[in-house]
Amino acid sequence: MHYFNVLVVDDEEDFLDTLMNRLKKRNINTTGCRSGEEAVELLQNKFFDVVILDIKMPGGMDGIETLREIKKIQPEAEVLLLTGHASVETSIEGMKLGAFDYLLKPIKLEDLLEKLAQALEKKDTAEHKRQSEQIRKLLKYW
């Protein structure tokens, strides 16, 4: 059983693969992509409950621009920002644009799972609360 749909957007291939594998091992339905443009394309065709989005990405769309597009396409999706550069100002800008929260890289999986649980609780439906409780059960194994 999958808890919910998560999209992970990060240009660092090793980080992306590792994070996706760790989430999938915990039965979390996870899709990954390496650019903001690819994320926007995916969001036009599939619903995601939570998007884990790297702020600093090279190329056409950085994380903040991608966040703006996500909120246009799926305003109900919760977005967790990741930054490896301790860019608190950019993270705060992202929060003003509708991001749920942010985490500094390198992230601890238990911190990410807690943020995912909180994001689901914000959605305020019985199903999301049940899913949040299931994620918190995963945290008990640490």
C-alpha atoms as a PDB file:
ATOM      1  CA  MET A   1       0.000   0.000   0.000  1.00  0.00           C
ATOM      2  CA  HIS A   2       1.327   3.430  -0.929  1.00  0.00           C
ATOM      3  CA  TYR A   3       0.672   6.284   1.434  1.00  0.00           C
ATOM      4  CA  PHE A   4       0.568   9.167  -1.055  1.00  0.00           C
ATOM      5  CA  ASN A   5       2.334  10.589  -4.126  1.00  0.00           C
ATOM      6  CA  VAL A   6       5.614  12.427  -3.689  1.00  0.00           C
ATOM      7  CA  LEU A   7       7.611  14.163  -6.410  1.00  0.00           C
ATOM      8  CA  VAL A   8      11.322  14.683  -5.717  1.00  0.00           C
ATOM      9  CA  VAL A   9      13.042  17.337  -7.855  1.00  0.00           C
ATOM     10  CA  ASP A  10      16.830  17.542  -7.564  1.00  0.00           C
ATOM     11  CA  ASP A  11      19.592  17.946 -10.147  1.00  0.00           C
ATOM     12  CA  GLU A  12      22.062  15.826  -8.127  1.00  0.00           C
ATOM     13  CA  GLU A  13      21.499  12.357  -9.560  1.00  0.00           C
ATOM     14  CA  ASP A  14      23.053  10.405  -6.659  1.00  0.00           C
ATOM     15  CA  PHE A  15      21.069  12.353  -4.051  1.00  0.00           C
ATOM     16  CA  LEU A  16      17.854  11.967  -6.067  1.00  0.00           C
ATOM     17  CA  ASP A  17      18.306   8.204  -6.506  1.00  0.00           C
ATOM     18  CA  THR A  18      19.244   7.661  -2.857  1.00  0.00           C
ATOM     19  CA  LEU A  19      16.321   9.678  -1.505  1.00  0.00           C
ATOM     20  CA  MET A  20      13.823   8.016  -3.844  1.00  0.00           C
ATOM     21  CA  ASN A  21      15.082   4.552  -2.869  1.00  0.00           C
ATOM     22  CA  ARG A  22      14.847   5.351   0.833  1.00  0.00           C
ATOM     23  CA  LEU A  23      11.269   6.618   0.462  1.00  0.00           C
ATOM     24  CA  LYS A  24      10.197   3.707  -1.748  1.00  0.00           C
ATOM     25  CA  LYS A  25      11.587   1.226   0.818  1.00  0.00           C
ATOM     26  CA  ARG A  26       9.108   2.799   3.243  1.00  0.00           C
ATOM     27  CA  ASN A  27       6.243   2.229   0.821  1.00  0.00           C
ATOM     28  CA  ILE A  28       5.962   5.878  -0.215  1.00  0.00           C
ATOM     29  CA  ASN A  29       4.989   6.280  -3.864  1.00  0.00           C
ATOM     30  CA  THR A  30       7.836   8.418  -5.204  1.00  0.00           C
ATOM     31  CA  THR A  31       8.579   9.909  -8.624  1.00  0.00           C
ATOM     32  CA  GLY A  32      11.787  11.776  -9.345  1.00  0.00           C
ATOM     33  CA  CYS A  33      13.080  14.244 -11.893  1.00  0.00           C
ATOM     34  CA  ARG A  34      16.214  16.343 -12.334  1.00  0.00           C
ATOM     35  CA  SER A  35      14.902  19.747 -13.451  1.00  0.00           C
ATOM     36  CA  GLY A  36      12.181  22.280 -12.846  1.00  0.00           C
ATOM     37  CA  GLU A  37      11.029  21.962 -16.436  1.00  0.00           C
ATOM     38  CA  GLU A  38      10.577  18.196 -16.074  1.00  0.00           C
ATOM     39  CA  ALA A  39       8.720  18.707 -12.771  1.00  0.00           C
ATOM     40  CA  VAL A  40       6.281  21.144 -14.378  1.00  0.00           C
ATOM     41  CA  GLU A  41       5.623  18.658 -17.181  1.00  0.00           C
ATOM     42  CA  LEU A  42       4.972  15.831 -14.690  1.00  0.00           C
ATOM     43  CA  LEU A  43       2.641  18.017 -12.600  1.00  0.00           C
ATOM     44  CA  GLN A  44       0.492  18.725 -15.639  1.00  0.00           C
ATOM     45  CA  ASN A  45      -0.269  15.008 -15.983  1.00  0.00           C
ATOM     46  CA  LYS A  46      -0.221  13.561 -12.465  1.00  0.00           C
ATOM     47  CA  PHE A  47      -1.340  14.728  -9.026  1.00  0.00           C
ATOM     48  CA  PHE A  48       1.248  14.907  -6.237  1.00  0.00           C
ATOM     49  CA  ASP A  49       0.435  15.437  -2.572  1.00  0.00           C
ATOM     50  CA  VAL A  50       3.921  16.687  -1.729  1.00  0.00           C
ATOM     51  CA  VAL A  51       6.803  17.982  -3.846  1.00  0.00           C
ATOM     52  CA  ILE A  52      10.340  17.872  -2.410  1.00  0.00           C
ATOM     53  CA  LEU A  53      12.118  20.589  -4.364  1.00  0.00           C
ATOM     54  CA  ASP A  54      15.785  21.581  -4.456  1.00  0.00           C
ATOM     55  CA  ILE A  55      16.143  25.372  -4.489  1.00  0.00           C
ATOM     56  CA  LYS A  56      19.507  25.527  -6.278  1.00  0.00           C
ATOM     57  CA  MET A  57      19.304  23.904  -9.687  1.00  0.00           C
ATOM     58  CA  PRO A  58      21.301  24.887 -12.765  1.00  0.00           C
ATOM     59  CA  GLY A  59      19.630  25.525 -16.071  1.00  0.00           C
ATOM     60  CA  GLY A  60      16.477  27.326 -17.043  1.00  0.00           C
ATOM     61  CA  MET A  61      14.345  27.017 -13.898  1.00  0.00           C
ATOM     62  CA  ASP A  62      15.659  27.289 -10.370  1.00  0.00           C
ATOM     63  CA  GLY A  63      13.680  26.031  -7.392  1.00  0.00           C
ATOM     64  CA  ILE A  64      11.873  29.316  -6.720  1.00  0.00           C
ATOM     65  CA  GLU A  65      10.690  29.633 -10.320  1.00  0.00           C
ATOM     66  CA  THR A  66       9.638  25.963 -10.243  1.00  0.00           C
ATOM     67  CA  LEU A  67       7.718  26.602  -7.007  1.00  0.00           C
ATOM     68  CA  ARG A  68       5.801  29.444  -8.680  1.00  0.00           C
ATOM     69  CA  GLU A  69       4.802  27.102 -11.527  1.00  0.00           C
ATOM     70  CA  ILE A  70       3.861  24.270  -9.153  1.00  0.00           C
ATOM     71  CA  LYS A  71       1.503  26.586  -7.281  1.00  0.00           C
ATOM     72  CA  LYS A  72      -0.132  27.630 -10.588  1.00  0.00           C
ATOM     73  CA  ILE A  73      -0.650  24.037 -11.743  1.00  0.00           C
ATOM     74  CA  GLN A  74      -1.410  22.298  -8.415  1.00  0.00           C
ATOM     75  CA  PRO A  75      -1.974  24.912  -5.706  1.00  0.00           C
ATOM     76  CA  GLU A  76      -3.016  22.194  -3.237  1.00  0.00           C
ATOM     77  CA  ALA A  77       0.351  20.404  -3.472  1.00  0.00           C
ATOM     78  CA  GLU A  78       2.546  20.983  -0.430  1.00  0.00           C
ATOM     79  CA  VAL A  79       6.136  21.880  -1.312  1.00  0.00           C
ATOM     80  CA  LEU A  80       9.160  21.136   0.877  1.00  0.00           C
ATOM     81  CA  LEU A  81      12.215  23.106  -0.196  1.00  0.00           C
ATOM     82  CA  LEU A  82      15.732  21.684   0.069  1.00  0.00           C
ATOM     83  CA  THR A  83      18.815  23.834   0.142  1.00  0.00           C
ATOM     84  CA  GLY A  84      22.412  22.765   0.366  1.00  0.00           C
ATOM     85  CA  HIS A  85      23.659  26.295   0.637  1.00  0.00           C
ATOM     86  CA  ALA A  86      21.999  27.372   3.901  1.00  0.00           C
ATOM     87  CA  SER A  87      20.209  30.003   1.828  1.00  0.00           C
ATOM     88  CA  VAL A  88      17.727  31.027   4.477  1.00  0.00           C
ATOM     89  CA  GLU A  89      16.646  34.167   2.572  1.00  0.00           C
ATOM     90  CA  THR A  90      15.746  32.137  -0.497  1.00  0.00           C
ATOM     91  CA  SER A  91      13.930  29.601   1.682  1.00  0.00           C
ATOM     92  CA  ILE A  92      11.926  32.390   3.327  1.00  0.00           C
ATOM     93  CA  GLU A  93      11.077  33.773  -0.128  1.00  0.00           C
ATOM     94  CA  GLY A  94       9.868  30.294  -1.031  1.00  0.00           C
ATOM     95  CA  MET A  95       7.691  30.140   2.085  1.00  0.00           C
ATOM     96  CA  LYS A  96       6.111  33.471   1.093  1.00  0.00           C
ATOM     97  CA  LEU A  97       5.324  31.946  -2.305  1.00  0.00           C
ATOM     98  CA  GLY A  98       3.490  29.047  -0.696  1.00  0.00           C
ATOM     99  CA  ALA A  99       6.124  26.462   0.215  1.00  0.00           C
ATOM    100  CA  PHE A 100       5.189  24.434   3.275  1.00  0.00           C
ATOM    101  CA  ASP A 101       8.655  24.387   4.851  1.00  0.00           C
ATOM    102  CA  TYR A 102      12.327  23.866   4.082  1.00  0.00           C
ATOM    103  CA  LEU A 103      15.153  21.548   5.104  1.00  0.00           C
ATOM    104  CA  LEU A 104      18.900  22.060   4.879  1.00  0.00           C
ATOM    105  CA  LYS A 105      20.996  19.488   3.024  1.00  0.00           C
ATOM    106  CA  PRO A 106      22.266  17.030   3.966  1.00  0.00           C
ATOM    107  CA  ILE A 107      18.866  16.006   5.247  1.00  0.00           C
ATOM    108  CA  LYS A 108      18.149  13.315   7.798  1.00  0.00           C
ATOM    109  CA  LEU A 109      15.492  10.897   6.604  1.00  0.00           C
ATOM    110  CA  GLU A 110      13.644  11.079   9.931  1.00  0.00           C
ATOM    111  CA  ASP A 111      13.434  14.895   9.612  1.00  0.00           C
ATOM    112  CA  LEU A 112      12.085  14.561   6.086  1.00  0.00           C
ATOM    113  CA  LEU A 113       9.513  11.951   7.155  1.00  0.00           C
ATOM    114  CA  GLU A 114       8.349  14.254   9.956  1.00  0.00           C
ATOM    115  CA  LYS A 115       7.935  17.143   7.481  1.00  0.00           C
ATOM    116  CA  LEU A 116       6.011  14.851   5.124  1.00  0.00           C
ATOM    117  CA  ALA A 117       3.692  13.906   7.994  1.00  0.00           C
ATOM    118  CA  GLN A 118       3.174  17.577   8.862  1.00  0.00           C
ATOM    119  CA  ALA A 119       2.450  18.446   5.230  1.00  0.00           C
ATOM    120  CA  LEU A 120      -0.213  15.753   5.063  1.00  0.00           C
ATOM    121  CA  GLU A 121      -1.786  16.955   8.306  1.00  0.00           C
ATOM    122  CA  LYS A 122      -2.068  20.427   6.796  1.00  0.00           C
ATOM    123  CA  LYS A 123      -4.223  18.986   4.033  1.00  0.00           C
ATOM    124  CA  ASP A 124      -6.740  18.267   6.809  1.00  0.00           C
ATOM    125  CA  THR A 125      -8.569  15.263   5.422  1.00  0.00           C
ATOM    126  CA  ALA A 126      -9.202  12.017   7.253  1.00  0.00           C
ATOM    127  CA  GLU A 127      -7.202  10.069   4.667  1.00  0.00           C
ATOM    128  CA  HIS A 128      -4.211  12.382   4.915  1.00  0.00           C
ATOM    129  CA  LYS A 129      -4.290  12.246   8.721  1.00  0.00           C
ATOM    130  CA  ARG A 130      -4.301   8.434   8.571  1.00  0.00           C
ATOM    131  CA  GLN A 131      -1.349   8.555   6.179  1.00  0.00           C
ATOM    132  CA  SER A 132       0.449  10.995   8.468  1.00  0.00           C
ATOM    133  CA  GLU A 133       0.024   8.589  11.388  1.00  0.00           C
ATOM    134  CA  GLN A 134       1.467   5.757   9.284  1.00  0.00           C
ATOM    135  CA  ILE A 135       4.543   7.835   8.441  1.00  0.00           C
ATOM    136  CA  ARG A 136       5.026   8.698  12.111  1.00  0.00           C
ATOM    137  CA  LYS A 137       4.989   4.959  12.872  1.00  0.00           C
ATOM    138  CA  LEU A 138       8.008   4.645  10.572  1.00  0.00           C
ATOM    139  CA  LEU A 139       9.826   7.153  12.773  1.00  0.00           C
ATOM    140  CA  LYS A 140       9.468   4.855  15.799  1.00  0.00           C
ATOM    141  CA  TYR A 141      11.989   2.485  14.232  1.00  0.00           C
ATOM    142  CA  TRP A 142      14.824   4.988  14.567  1.00  0.00           C
END
